[in-house]
Amino acid sequence: MQRLIAALAAFVFCSLLAFAEQIEISGRILDARGNPLPVAHAELRRAGRLEPLVQVRANPDGSFALSASGEGLFLVRLAGLHHRSIDIPVVVGSTAVRERLTVQLATLPFPETRDSVLLSHRGALPTTTEGTVLQERKDGYVLGGLRPGDHYRLIIRGQGRGVVTASSRDSLMLAPDGYYVGILRTDSLAFDPAELPRRSDAGIIKCQSAEWQQIADAYQALVRYQQAFADSSNAALARAAHTGGSAGDAGAIHTSLGAWRWRDTIVARLATARSPLAEQFWLLFALALPAGDGTEELHRRALREIPPASPLWALDPQLVFQALARRTDAERRQFLDALIETNPDTTARAVCAFTELVAASTARDRERARMLYAVLTKRCPTHPLAKTAERYNPDRRIQRGARLPDFRLPGKQRGTAITRERVLGQPLLIAIVLGDCQPCAERLAELAQWRDSTKRPLRLLIASVGTPSGELARVLERIPHELSIVSSPSAPELEPFEVEGFPTFVLTDATGTIRATSQELRSLRTDVGRYLDEQP
């Protein structure tokens, strides 16, 4: 019987492979001057995934060819040493996909001039300060005493910062984020800045078919616009933090990026689109622009032409919510429920279900929250948002509006206990901390600031894993509190509080009704009073 079951399983698997459509993509990967790169890769992955289905190294002339089977939305990633990767979407339906591409890659953002070169870990960002400074010699930078087999990145610091991913003499692999990572084969590293390519900020894609070209152009325009918006927003926040002023609003950033000119470009491209799929990609880009004169109709058209079951939503599920921003609650819920039920992409379903779960929890719609929580935990159990959704479980004991569960914490004197009944009668803040936790000390310092500004009564119960020490002990000296010490983070006495991390906070009113949790208490200095004043 077991052999029969195994044979049937193999037959079904092979049958599925037979029905899956073939994907064949070839072409060349070049630098901005049209020359092959010392090291380049092509890979194919499903949208929303980091790990590739297939990855091939380009030949010395820059040529590559890859093939796979499947249906749905994929991304072809083309990358080369010291250059930015380019992603091109591939939608596989009822027919096989065969295409030839030629790309010229832009360089990574390394500085034109350098002050130093830092050897750092494989996941380092351009802004990192952690690592080992390489000493410069006549033939470049040399560092010895390294362990063979280690992975690394090189950070060049100068006018701006940048990531460089080893020289062509080192063995390289393509990391999931699109950067190359060097693998040391010996105990020393040699890096020659003269090997860096001439800087180029432009990436060029040439597709064999007109439809693919339009899809690639639309997706690259969307990616560039979203990156420019993110960069401008971060720069505005940095200026505001430095000057103490306001970061401004999103509308001003959209205006500075020429959103209305892009709107006109999208309208023109839609008029010449070669296929419904090309139209849908340009409409996706339209959703990244603010709703207003001219774009409102584009947003409505996007909802009409990109159905809830479309795999395109996997490219950026947040665009769904921008499309629905001005729709009625009924329209919004109908579209999202259909997407959650029918979309083939796990990430698209999970992002939409999680966002709706948060909204339902805020509105205290427990029936809808329970349905969405079941979608995340049962239909998307491997997605990271399924774990995050646990804090929004409508049946959690620790949530706003719920009754503080019964608990029994060890008291200060041996044989005594602190219980729920003992601490009721006035507002209560329970803080569950680690004895040597610096973030715990910083958060409780916020509470000390709030207490200094008010005479309102608030009982503070500290449940500490280990005896408070260091900065935490000094902060607690400033705040009247009752202390309970437990032996470990998994102590059974902490189980009623559903602890997910440290510190964990639970704020109740005098009757024991939970008014706020760690999720709502972002700043104890401002939020404790706000949630205590909130009417049921």
Protein backbone atom coordinates (compact mmCIF):
# COMPACT_ATOMS: atom_id res chain seq x y z
CA MET A 1 0.00 0.00 0.00
CA GLN A 2 2.79 2.43 0.88
CA ARG A 3 4.47 1.74 -2.47
CA LEU A 4 1.18 2.42 -4.25
CA ILE A 5 0.72 5.72 -2.40
CA ALA A 6 4.30 6.72 -3.23
CA ALA A 7 3.77 5.86 -6.89
CA LEU A 8 0.54 7.88 -7.03
CA ALA A 9 2.26 10.85 -5.36
CA ALA A 10 5.08 10.70 -7.90
CA PHE A 11 2.55 10.52 -10.74
CA VAL A 12 0.65 13.56 -9.45
CA PHE A 13 3.89 15.52 -9.00
CA CYS A 14 5.08 14.69 -12.52
CA SER A 15 1.64 15.55 -13.92
CA LEU A 16 1.75 18.95 -12.25
CA LEU A 17 5.18 19.56 -13.70
CA ALA A 18 3.89 18.61 -17.11
CA PHE A 19 1.08 21.16 -16.89
CA ALA A 20 3.33 23.92 -15.51
CA GLU A 21 4.31 26.33 -18.25
CA GLN A 22 7.92 26.60 -19.35
CA ILE A 23 9.92 29.80 -18.82
CA GLU A 24 12.96 30.36 -21.01
CA ILE A 25 14.87 33.64 -20.72
CA SER A 26 18.23 34.47 -22.24
CA GLY A 27 20.26 37.55 -23.04
CA ARG A 28 23.32 39.53 -21.96
CA ILE A 29 24.36 41.43 -18.82
CA LEU A 30 26.64 44.41 -19.54
CA ASP A 31 28.01 47.50 -17.85
CA ALA A 32 27.05 51.08 -18.80
CA ARG A 33 29.66 51.11 -21.59
CA GLY A 34 28.35 47.90 -23.15
CA ASN A 35 31.14 45.66 -21.89
CA PRO A 36 30.72 42.31 -20.11
CA LEU A 37 31.24 42.30 -16.35
CA PRO A 38 33.92 40.21 -14.60
CA VAL A 39 31.18 38.46 -12.62
CA ALA A 40 27.42 38.57 -13.33
CA HIS A 41 24.38 36.47 -12.49
CA ALA A 42 20.81 35.97 -13.67
CA GLU A 43 18.18 34.48 -11.40
CA LEU A 44 14.45 33.79 -11.40
CA ARG A 45 12.36 33.97 -8.25
CA ARG A 46 8.70 34.19 -7.39
CA ALA A 47 7.48 37.69 -6.54
CA GLY A 48 7.61 38.30 -2.82
CA ARG A 49 10.31 35.66 -2.26
CA LEU A 50 14.00 36.15 -1.57
CA GLU A 51 15.39 32.76 -2.50
CA PRO A 52 15.71 32.12 -6.25
CA LEU A 53 14.18 29.18 -8.07
CA VAL A 54 17.17 29.09 -10.40
CA GLN A 55 20.40 31.09 -10.62
CA VAL A 56 23.02 31.01 -13.37
CA ARG A 57 26.35 32.74 -13.79
CA ALA A 58 26.83 34.73 -16.96
CA ASN A 59 29.43 33.62 -19.50
CA PRO A 60 32.59 35.72 -20.12
CA ASP A 61 30.80 37.56 -22.95
CA GLY A 62 27.90 38.45 -20.62
CA SER A 63 25.46 35.95 -22.11
CA PHE A 64 23.15 33.83 -19.96
CA ALA A 65 20.21 31.46 -20.32
CA LEU A 66 17.88 30.19 -17.62
CA SER A 67 14.75 28.07 -17.63
CA ALA A 68 12.13 26.97 -15.12
CA SER A 69 8.51 25.83 -14.94
CA GLY A 70 5.57 27.40 -13.18
CA GLU A 71 2.65 29.80 -13.35
CA GLY A 72 2.03 33.18 -11.75
CA LEU A 73 4.22 36.22 -11.18
CA PHE A 74 8.02 35.92 -11.22
CA LEU A 75 10.91 38.38 -11.18
CA VAL A 76 14.03 38.04 -13.29
CA ARG A 77 16.95 39.59 -11.41
CA LEU A 78 20.07 40.52 -13.36
CA ALA A 79 23.10 41.61 -11.35
CA GLY A 80 26.83 42.15 -11.78
CA LEU A 81 29.91 42.84 -9.71
CA HIS A 82 29.91 46.42 -8.32
CA HIS A 83 26.59 47.17 -10.08
CA ARG A 84 22.96 47.60 -9.08
CA SER A 85 20.66 44.70 -9.82
CA ILE A 86 17.62 45.08 -12.08
CA ASP A 87 14.34 43.21 -11.60
CA ILE A 88 12.00 42.54 -14.52
CA PRO A 89 8.53 41.05 -13.86
CA VAL A 90 7.41 37.92 -15.69
CA VAL A 91 3.75 36.85 -15.72
CA VAL A 92 3.27 33.23 -16.74
CA GLY A 93 -0.26 32.20 -17.66
CA SER A 94 -1.60 29.58 -20.06
CA THR A 95 1.27 29.81 -22.56
CA ALA A 96 5.02 29.35 -22.30
CA VAL A 97 7.26 32.41 -21.93
CA ARG A 98 10.33 32.88 -24.10
CA GLU A 99 12.17 36.17 -24.16
CA ARG A 100 15.60 37.64 -24.82
CA LEU A 101 16.92 40.57 -22.77
CA THR A 102 19.93 42.85 -22.87
CA VAL A 103 20.61 45.02 -19.81
CA GLN A 104 23.21 47.63 -18.98
CA LEU A 105 23.53 47.99 -15.21
CA ALA A 106 24.11 51.11 -13.16
CA THR A 107 26.96 51.04 -10.63
CA LEU A 108 26.51 50.67 -6.90
CA PRO A 109 26.70 53.98 -4.96
CA PHE A 110 30.37 53.99 -4.00
CA PRO A 111 32.07 57.38 -3.48
CA GLU A 112 34.18 59.02 -6.16
CA THR A 113 36.81 59.75 -3.49
CA ARG A 114 37.63 57.63 -0.46
CA ASP A 115 38.87 58.23 3.05
CA SER A 116 39.01 54.61 4.18
CA VAL A 117 37.84 51.11 3.38
CA LEU A 118 36.05 49.08 6.03
CA LEU A 119 35.74 45.29 6.00
CA SER A 120 32.33 44.38 7.44
CA HIS A 121 29.89 41.47 7.68
CA ARG A 122 27.89 40.21 4.70
CA GLY A 123 24.67 42.06 5.64
CA ALA A 124 26.26 45.45 6.31
CA LEU A 125 24.54 48.61 5.09
CA PRO A 126 26.39 51.54 3.48
CA THR A 127 26.00 53.51 6.74
CA THR A 128 27.61 50.92 9.01
CA THR A 129 30.54 51.86 11.24
CA GLU A 130 31.26 48.29 12.37
CA GLY A 131 34.18 46.43 10.93
CA THR A 132 37.93 46.48 10.41
CA VAL A 133 39.70 49.36 8.65
CA LEU A 134 41.94 48.11 5.84
CA GLN A 135 45.42 49.58 5.56
CA GLU A 136 46.26 51.10 2.18
CA ARG A 137 49.42 50.05 0.35
CA LYS A 138 50.82 50.72 -3.08
CA ASP A 139 48.87 47.89 -4.64
CA GLY A 140 45.62 48.65 -2.81
CA TYR A 141 44.27 47.46 0.52
CA VAL A 142 45.51 44.27 2.15
CA LEU A 143 44.20 42.58 5.28
CA GLY A 144 45.58 39.33 6.71
CA GLY A 145 44.73 37.02 9.57
CA LEU A 146 41.22 36.23 8.31
CA ARG A 147 39.39 32.92 8.56
CA PRO A 148 38.95 31.12 5.23
CA GLY A 149 35.30 30.68 4.28
CA ASP A 150 34.10 33.94 5.86
CA HIS A 151 31.66 36.20 3.98
CA TYR A 152 32.20 39.95 3.90
CA ARG A 153 31.38 43.30 2.34
CA LEU A 154 33.61 46.28 1.77
CA ILE A 155 32.38 49.72 2.79
CA ILE A 156 34.13 52.67 1.12
CA ARG A 157 33.91 55.87 3.15
CA GLY A 158 34.55 59.21 1.55
CA GLN A 159 32.24 61.76 -0.05
CA GLY A 160 29.18 59.76 0.87
CA ARG A 161 29.29 56.03 1.63
CA GLY A 162 28.82 53.00 -0.50
CA VAL A 163 28.88 49.25 -0.59
CA VAL A 164 31.47 47.50 -2.71
CA THR A 165 31.36 43.75 -2.82
CA ALA A 166 34.91 42.53 -3.26
CA SER A 167 37.26 42.62 -6.20
CA SER A 168 37.03 40.34 -9.19
CA ARG A 169 39.92 38.28 -7.83
CA ASP A 170 37.79 37.06 -4.94
CA SER A 171 35.20 34.31 -5.09
CA LEU A 172 31.72 35.87 -5.15
CA MET A 173 28.12 34.88 -4.58
CA LEU A 174 24.91 36.85 -5.15
CA ALA A 175 23.11 37.68 -1.89
CA PRO A 176 19.27 37.76 -1.79
CA ASP A 177 19.24 41.58 -1.56
CA GLY A 178 21.05 41.91 -4.87
CA TYR A 179 24.56 42.67 -3.58
CA TYR A 180 27.49 40.37 -4.17
CA VAL A 181 29.27 38.97 -1.14
CA GLY A 182 32.90 37.90 -1.13
CA ILE A 183 33.89 34.49 0.22
CA LEU A 184 37.43 34.37 1.51
CA ARG A 185 39.33 31.35 0.20
CA THR A 186 42.61 32.30 1.91
CA ASP A 187 43.52 34.08 5.13
CA SER A 188 44.14 37.46 3.46
CA LEU A 189 42.22 39.98 1.38
CA ALA A 190 43.54 42.23 -1.37
CA PHE A 191 41.34 44.99 -2.73
CA ASP A 192 42.39 47.40 -5.47
CA PRO A 193 40.15 50.50 -5.92
CA ALA A 194 41.41 50.75 -9.49
CA GLU A 195 39.14 47.81 -10.30
CA LEU A 196 36.01 49.85 -9.57
CA PRO A 197 34.03 50.76 -12.70
CA ARG A 198 33.33 54.28 -13.86
CA ARG A 199 30.24 55.57 -12.07
CA SER A 200 26.95 55.33 -13.97
CA ASP A 201 23.50 55.97 -12.47
CA ALA A 202 21.47 54.79 -15.47
CA GLY A 203 20.22 51.25 -16.04
CA ILE A 204 19.05 50.29 -19.53
CA ILE A 205 16.76 47.37 -20.44
CA LYS A 206 16.18 46.17 -24.00
CA CYS A 207 13.57 43.44 -24.57
CA GLN A 208 12.97 41.50 -27.74
CA SER A 209 9.18 41.90 -27.66
CA ALA A 210 7.34 45.22 -27.50
CA GLU A 211 5.01 43.97 -24.75
CA TRP A 212 7.89 42.93 -22.51
CA GLN A 213 9.56 46.27 -23.13
CA GLN A 214 6.45 48.17 -22.02
CA ILE A 215 6.09 45.99 -18.91
CA ALA A 216 9.77 46.44 -18.02
CA ASP A 217 9.56 50.21 -18.57
CA ALA A 218 6.45 50.52 -16.38
CA TYR A 219 7.90 48.46 -13.55
CA GLN A 220 11.25 50.29 -13.59
CA ALA A 221 9.43 53.64 -13.54
CA LEU A 222 7.39 52.47 -10.51
CA VAL A 223 10.50 51.25 -8.67
CA ARG A 224 12.45 54.46 -9.38
CA TYR A 225 9.56 56.64 -8.25
CA GLN A 226 9.00 54.69 -5.04
CA GLN A 227 12.73 54.80 -4.25
CA ALA A 228 12.89 58.54 -4.93
CA PHE A 229 9.85 59.10 -2.68
CA ALA A 230 11.42 57.02 0.10
CA ASP A 231 14.75 58.87 -0.21
CA SER A 232 13.03 62.28 -0.15
CA SER A 233 10.90 61.30 2.85
CA ASN A 234 13.93 60.08 4.78
CA ALA A 235 15.86 63.23 3.93
CA ALA A 236 12.93 65.39 5.13
CA LEU A 237 12.75 63.44 8.40
CA ALA A 238 16.51 63.82 8.90
CA ARG A 239 16.30 67.60 8.34
CA ALA A 240 13.37 67.85 10.75
CA ALA A 241 15.25 65.90 13.41
CA HIS A 242 18.26 68.16 12.97
CA THR A 243 16.39 71.48 12.94
CA GLY A 244 13.48 70.58 15.20
CA GLY A 245 10.99 71.57 12.52
CA SER A 246 8.37 69.69 10.55
CA ALA A 247 9.12 67.04 7.95
CA GLY A 248 6.33 68.42 5.73
CA ASP A 249 3.62 66.35 4.09
CA ALA A 250 3.61 63.64 1.46
CA GLY A 251 1.87 65.91 -1.05
CA ALA A 252 4.82 68.29 -1.15
CA ILE A 253 7.19 65.39 -1.83
CA HIS A 254 4.98 64.07 -4.64
CA THR A 255 4.94 67.57 -6.17
CA SER A 256 8.72 67.86 -5.95
CA LEU A 257 9.06 64.51 -7.74
CA GLY A 258 6.85 65.66 -10.61
CA ALA A 259 3.88 63.42 -9.84
CA TRP A 260 1.61 65.29 -12.25
CA ARG A 261 4.09 64.98 -15.11
CA TRP A 262 4.29 61.26 -14.43
CA ARG A 263 0.48 61.14 -14.49
CA ASP A 264 0.52 62.55 -18.01
CA THR A 265 3.22 60.08 -19.03
CA ILE A 266 1.13 57.17 -17.73
CA VAL A 267 -1.94 58.37 -19.67
CA ALA A 268 0.17 58.55 -22.84
CA ARG A 269 1.65 55.08 -22.28
CA LEU A 270 -1.80 53.60 -21.66
CA ALA A 271 -2.93 54.93 -25.01
CA THR A 272 -0.14 53.03 -26.79
CA ALA A 273 -0.06 49.87 -24.64
CA ARG A 274 0.28 46.68 -26.70
CA SER A 275 -1.60 44.40 -24.29
CA PRO A 276 -3.93 44.43 -21.26
CA LEU A 277 -0.98 43.25 -19.14
CA ALA A 278 1.12 46.25 -20.13
CA GLU A 279 -1.85 48.51 -19.25
CA GLN A 280 -2.11 46.90 -15.82
CA PHE A 281 1.56 47.58 -15.06
CA TRP A 282 1.20 51.27 -15.94
CA LEU A 283 -1.96 51.43 -13.81
CA LEU A 284 0.02 49.94 -10.91
CA PHE A 285 2.43 52.85 -11.26
CA ALA A 286 -0.50 55.27 -11.23
CA LEU A 287 -1.47 53.93 -7.80
CA ALA A 288 1.85 55.16 -6.41
CA LEU A 289 0.83 58.74 -7.31
CA PRO A 290 -1.46 60.77 -5.01
CA ALA A 291 -5.17 60.75 -5.77
CA GLY A 292 -6.23 64.04 -7.27
CA ASP A 293 -7.08 65.77 -10.50
CA GLY A 294 -6.54 63.22 -13.26
CA THR A 295 -5.17 60.40 -11.12
CA GLU A 296 -8.47 59.64 -9.37
CA GLU A 297 -9.84 58.16 -12.60
CA LEU A 298 -6.62 56.17 -13.06
CA HIS A 299 -7.08 54.71 -9.58
CA ARG A 300 -10.66 53.71 -10.36
CA ARG A 301 -9.54 52.20 -13.65
CA ALA A 302 -6.84 50.19 -11.83
CA LEU A 303 -9.45 48.60 -9.60
CA ARG A 304 -11.57 47.73 -12.63
CA GLU A 305 -8.75 46.27 -14.74
CA ILE A 306 -6.58 44.59 -12.08
CA PRO A 307 -8.90 42.06 -10.41
CA PRO A 308 -8.44 40.88 -6.80
CA ALA A 309 -7.08 37.54 -8.04
CA SER A 310 -4.35 39.18 -10.16
CA PRO A 311 -0.79 38.09 -9.25
CA LEU A 312 0.36 41.67 -9.98
CA TRP A 313 -0.69 42.75 -6.48
CA ALA A 314 2.24 40.69 -5.17
CA LEU A 315 4.65 43.32 -6.54
CA ASP A 316 3.53 45.76 -3.83
CA PRO A 317 0.40 44.83 -1.84
CA GLN A 318 0.33 48.29 -0.24
CA LEU A 319 -0.77 49.70 -3.59
CA VAL A 320 -4.10 47.94 -3.01
CA PHE A 321 -4.81 50.22 -0.08
CA GLN A 322 -3.83 53.32 -2.04
CA ALA A 323 -6.28 52.25 -4.73
CA LEU A 324 -9.04 51.82 -2.14
CA ALA A 325 -8.32 54.96 -0.12
CA ARG A 326 -11.29 56.90 -1.52
CA ARG A 327 -13.69 54.02 -1.94
CA THR A 328 -16.61 53.39 0.41
CA ASP A 329 -16.18 50.99 3.32
CA ALA A 330 -18.37 48.44 1.54
CA GLU A 331 -16.35 48.65 -1.68
CA ARG A 332 -13.11 48.45 0.23
CA ARG A 333 -14.14 45.40 2.23
CA GLN A 334 -15.58 43.61 -0.80
CA PHE A 335 -12.38 44.02 -2.83
CA LEU A 336 -10.05 43.06 0.02
CA ASP A 337 -12.11 40.03 1.01
CA ALA A 338 -12.05 38.83 -2.60
CA LEU A 339 -8.27 39.34 -2.76
CA ILE A 340 -7.71 37.48 0.51
CA GLU A 341 -9.87 34.62 -0.73
CA THR A 342 -8.73 34.30 -4.35
CA ASN A 343 -5.25 35.76 -4.84
CA PRO A 344 -2.69 33.04 -5.59
CA ASP A 345 0.19 34.88 -3.89
CA THR A 346 0.74 34.22 -0.18
CA THR A 347 2.41 37.58 0.46
CA ALA A 348 -0.41 39.56 -1.16
CA ARG A 349 -3.01 37.67 0.90
CA ALA A 350 -0.99 37.97 4.12
CA VAL A 351 -0.31 41.71 3.82
CA CYS A 352 -3.95 42.51 3.07
CA ALA A 353 -5.27 40.20 5.79
CA PHE A 354 -2.86 41.61 8.38
CA THR A 355 -3.66 45.24 7.55
CA GLU A 356 -7.38 44.49 7.81
CA LEU A 357 -6.79 42.57 11.05
CA VAL A 358 -5.17 45.64 12.61
CA ALA A 359 -8.08 47.81 11.44
CA ALA A 360 -10.66 45.33 12.79
CA SER A 361 -8.83 45.16 16.13
CA THR A 362 -8.77 48.95 16.38
CA ALA A 363 -12.50 49.08 15.60
CA ARG A 364 -13.07 46.23 18.08
CA ASP A 365 -14.83 44.17 15.43
CA ARG A 366 -14.02 40.82 16.99
CA GLU A 367 -15.94 38.72 14.48
CA ARG A 368 -14.03 40.13 11.51
CA ALA A 369 -10.75 40.07 13.44
CA ARG A 370 -11.29 36.40 14.24
CA MET A 371 -11.88 35.59 10.55
CA LEU A 372 -8.76 37.48 9.43
CA TYR A 373 -6.65 35.96 12.18
CA ALA A 374 -7.70 32.50 10.99
CA VAL A 375 -6.69 33.41 7.40
CA LEU A 376 -3.21 34.41 8.53
CA THR A 377 -2.53 31.53 10.88
CA LYS A 378 -4.16 28.73 8.88
CA ARG A 379 -3.78 29.73 5.23
CA CYS A 380 -0.50 31.68 5.48
CA PRO A 381 1.20 29.90 8.43
CA THR A 382 4.75 30.24 7.08
CA HIS A 383 4.55 33.97 6.36
CA PRO A 384 6.27 36.22 8.98
CA LEU A 385 3.07 38.24 9.41
CA ALA A 386 1.33 35.13 10.76
CA LYS A 387 3.60 35.31 13.81
CA THR A 388 3.16 39.08 14.18
CA ALA A 389 -0.61 38.59 14.00
CA GLU A 390 -0.57 36.79 17.35
CA ARG A 391 -0.64 40.13 19.16
CA TYR A 392 -3.92 40.91 17.37
CA ASN A 393 -5.54 37.57 18.18
CA PRO A 394 -9.10 38.60 19.14
CA ASP A 395 -9.12 35.85 21.75
CA ARG A 396 -5.93 36.97 23.49
CA ARG A 397 -6.19 37.50 27.21
CA ILE A 398 -3.99 40.62 27.09
CA GLN A 399 -5.77 43.13 24.87
CA ARG A 400 -7.60 46.41 25.20
CA GLY A 401 -11.01 46.11 26.80
CA ALA A 402 -10.34 42.65 28.25
CA ARG A 403 -10.35 41.80 31.94
CA LEU A 404 -6.88 41.52 33.45
CA PRO A 405 -6.39 37.76 33.90
CA ASP A 406 -5.74 36.21 37.25
CA PHE A 407 -2.06 35.92 38.14
CA ARG A 408 0.14 35.02 41.07
CA LEU A 409 3.60 36.60 41.24
CA PRO A 410 6.08 35.96 44.06
CA GLY A 411 6.08 38.71 46.69
CA LYS A 412 9.04 40.36 48.34
CA GLN A 413 8.78 38.19 51.43
CA ARG A 414 9.20 34.43 51.10
CA GLY A 415 5.85 32.70 50.92
CA THR A 416 3.88 35.82 49.93
CA ALA A 417 2.26 36.50 46.57
CA ILE A 418 1.04 39.44 44.50
CA THR A 419 -2.33 38.68 42.92
CA ARG A 420 -4.86 40.45 40.72
CA GLU A 421 -7.24 41.04 43.63
CA ARG A 422 -4.47 42.60 45.71
CA VAL A 423 -3.54 45.30 43.17
CA LEU A 424 -7.03 46.36 42.03
CA GLY A 425 -8.65 49.53 43.29
CA GLN A 426 -6.65 52.15 41.37
CA PRO A 427 -5.02 52.42 37.94
CA LEU A 428 -2.20 49.92 37.51
CA LEU A 429 0.78 49.61 35.18
CA ILE A 430 2.42 46.20 35.05
CA ALA A 431 5.95 46.26 33.57
CA ILE A 432 7.64 42.95 32.82
CA VAL A 433 11.39 43.50 32.40
CA LEU A 434 14.78 41.81 32.37
CA GLY A 435 16.97 42.70 35.33
CA ASP A 436 19.81 44.12 33.19
CA CYS A 437 17.72 45.40 30.26
CA GLN A 438 18.81 48.84 29.00
CA PRO A 439 15.71 49.38 26.79
CA CYS A 440 13.56 48.54 29.83
CA ALA A 441 15.36 51.24 31.82
CA GLU A 442 14.87 53.78 29.02
CA ARG A 443 11.13 53.07 28.79
CA LEU A 444 10.61 53.32 32.56
CA ALA A 445 12.52 56.61 32.54
CA GLU A 446 9.66 57.88 30.34
CA LEU A 447 7.25 56.85 33.08
CA ALA A 448 9.33 58.77 35.62
CA GLN A 449 8.93 61.88 33.44
CA TRP A 450 5.16 61.38 33.35
CA ARG A 451 4.96 60.98 37.13
CA ASP A 452 6.98 64.16 37.62
CA SER A 453 4.38 66.07 35.59
CA THR A 454 1.20 64.81 37.32
CA LYS A 455 -0.30 63.98 40.69
CA ARG A 456 -2.59 61.29 39.33
CA PRO A 457 -2.48 57.98 41.22
CA LEU A 458 -0.92 55.03 39.42
CA ARG A 459 0.29 51.82 40.99
CA LEU A 460 3.40 50.34 39.35
CA LEU A 461 4.08 46.61 39.51
CA ILE A 462 7.48 45.47 38.24
CA ALA A 463 7.90 41.80 37.37
CA SER A 464 11.65 41.40 36.81
CA VAL A 465 13.45 38.37 35.42
CA GLY A 466 16.37 38.51 37.82
CA THR A 467 17.19 41.28 40.28
CA PRO A 468 17.21 44.75 38.66
CA SER A 469 20.73 46.09 38.22
CA GLY A 470 22.62 48.89 36.52
CA GLU A 471 20.57 51.62 34.86
CA LEU A 472 17.29 49.81 35.50
CA ALA A 473 17.93 49.77 39.26
CA ARG A 474 18.77 53.48 39.21
CA VAL A 475 15.57 54.34 37.33
CA LEU A 476 13.44 52.29 39.74
CA GLU A 477 14.86 54.27 42.66
CA ARG A 478 13.02 57.31 41.22
CA ILE A 479 9.60 55.62 40.94
CA PRO A 480 7.49 54.13 43.74
CA HIS A 481 6.80 50.51 42.78
CA GLU A 482 6.12 47.00 43.96
CA LEU A 483 8.71 44.46 42.86
CA SER A 484 8.35 40.79 42.01
CA ILE A 485 11.38 38.75 40.92
CA VAL A 486 10.99 35.63 38.81
CA SER A 487 13.66 33.14 37.81
CA SER A 488 13.49 33.08 34.00
CA PRO A 489 11.65 34.51 30.96
CA SER A 490 9.72 31.22 30.72
CA ALA A 491 8.69 31.22 34.38
CA PRO A 492 5.10 29.91 34.72
CA GLU A 493 4.18 33.01 36.78
CA LEU A 494 4.53 35.13 33.58
CA GLU A 495 2.32 32.91 31.42
CA PRO A 496 -0.91 34.92 32.02
CA PHE A 497 0.73 38.06 30.55
CA GLU A 498 1.48 36.52 27.10
CA VAL A 499 4.98 38.03 27.09
CA GLU A 500 6.44 38.42 23.57
CA GLY A 501 9.48 40.51 24.47
CA PHE A 502 10.98 42.85 27.01
CA PRO A 503 9.77 45.21 28.23
CA THR A 504 6.08 44.23 28.19
CA PHE A 505 3.48 46.68 29.55
CA VAL A 506 -0.14 46.27 30.61
CA LEU A 507 -2.14 49.32 31.76
CA THR A 508 -5.47 48.84 33.56
CA ASP A 509 -8.02 51.09 35.16
CA ALA A 510 -9.11 50.75 38.78
CA THR A 511 -11.59 47.97 37.92
CA GLY A 512 -8.99 45.76 36.24
CA THR A 513 -10.06 46.47 32.64
CA ILE A 514 -7.05 46.64 30.30
CA ARG A 515 -6.82 50.13 28.80
CA ALA A 516 -3.56 49.70 26.83
CA THR A 517 -0.79 47.20 26.11
CA SER A 518 2.78 47.48 24.82
CA GLN A 519 1.32 47.87 21.36
CA GLU A 520 -0.41 51.15 22.29
CA LEU A 521 2.09 52.45 24.85
CA ARG A 522 4.69 53.77 22.46
CA SER A 523 5.77 56.50 24.89
CA LEU A 524 4.99 56.13 28.58
CA ARG A 525 5.58 59.85 29.05
CA THR A 526 2.57 60.73 26.88
CA ASP A 527 0.45 57.60 26.44
CA VAL A 528 -0.28 56.50 30.02
CA GLY A 529 -2.38 59.55 30.81
CA ARG A 530 -4.00 59.50 27.36
CA TYR A 531 -5.28 55.93 27.70
CA LEU A 532 -6.38 56.38 31.30
CA ASP A 533 -8.45 59.42 30.24
CA GLU A 534 -10.03 57.57 27.31
CA GLN A 535 -13.69 56.84 27.87
CA PRO A 536 -15.01 53.28 27.36
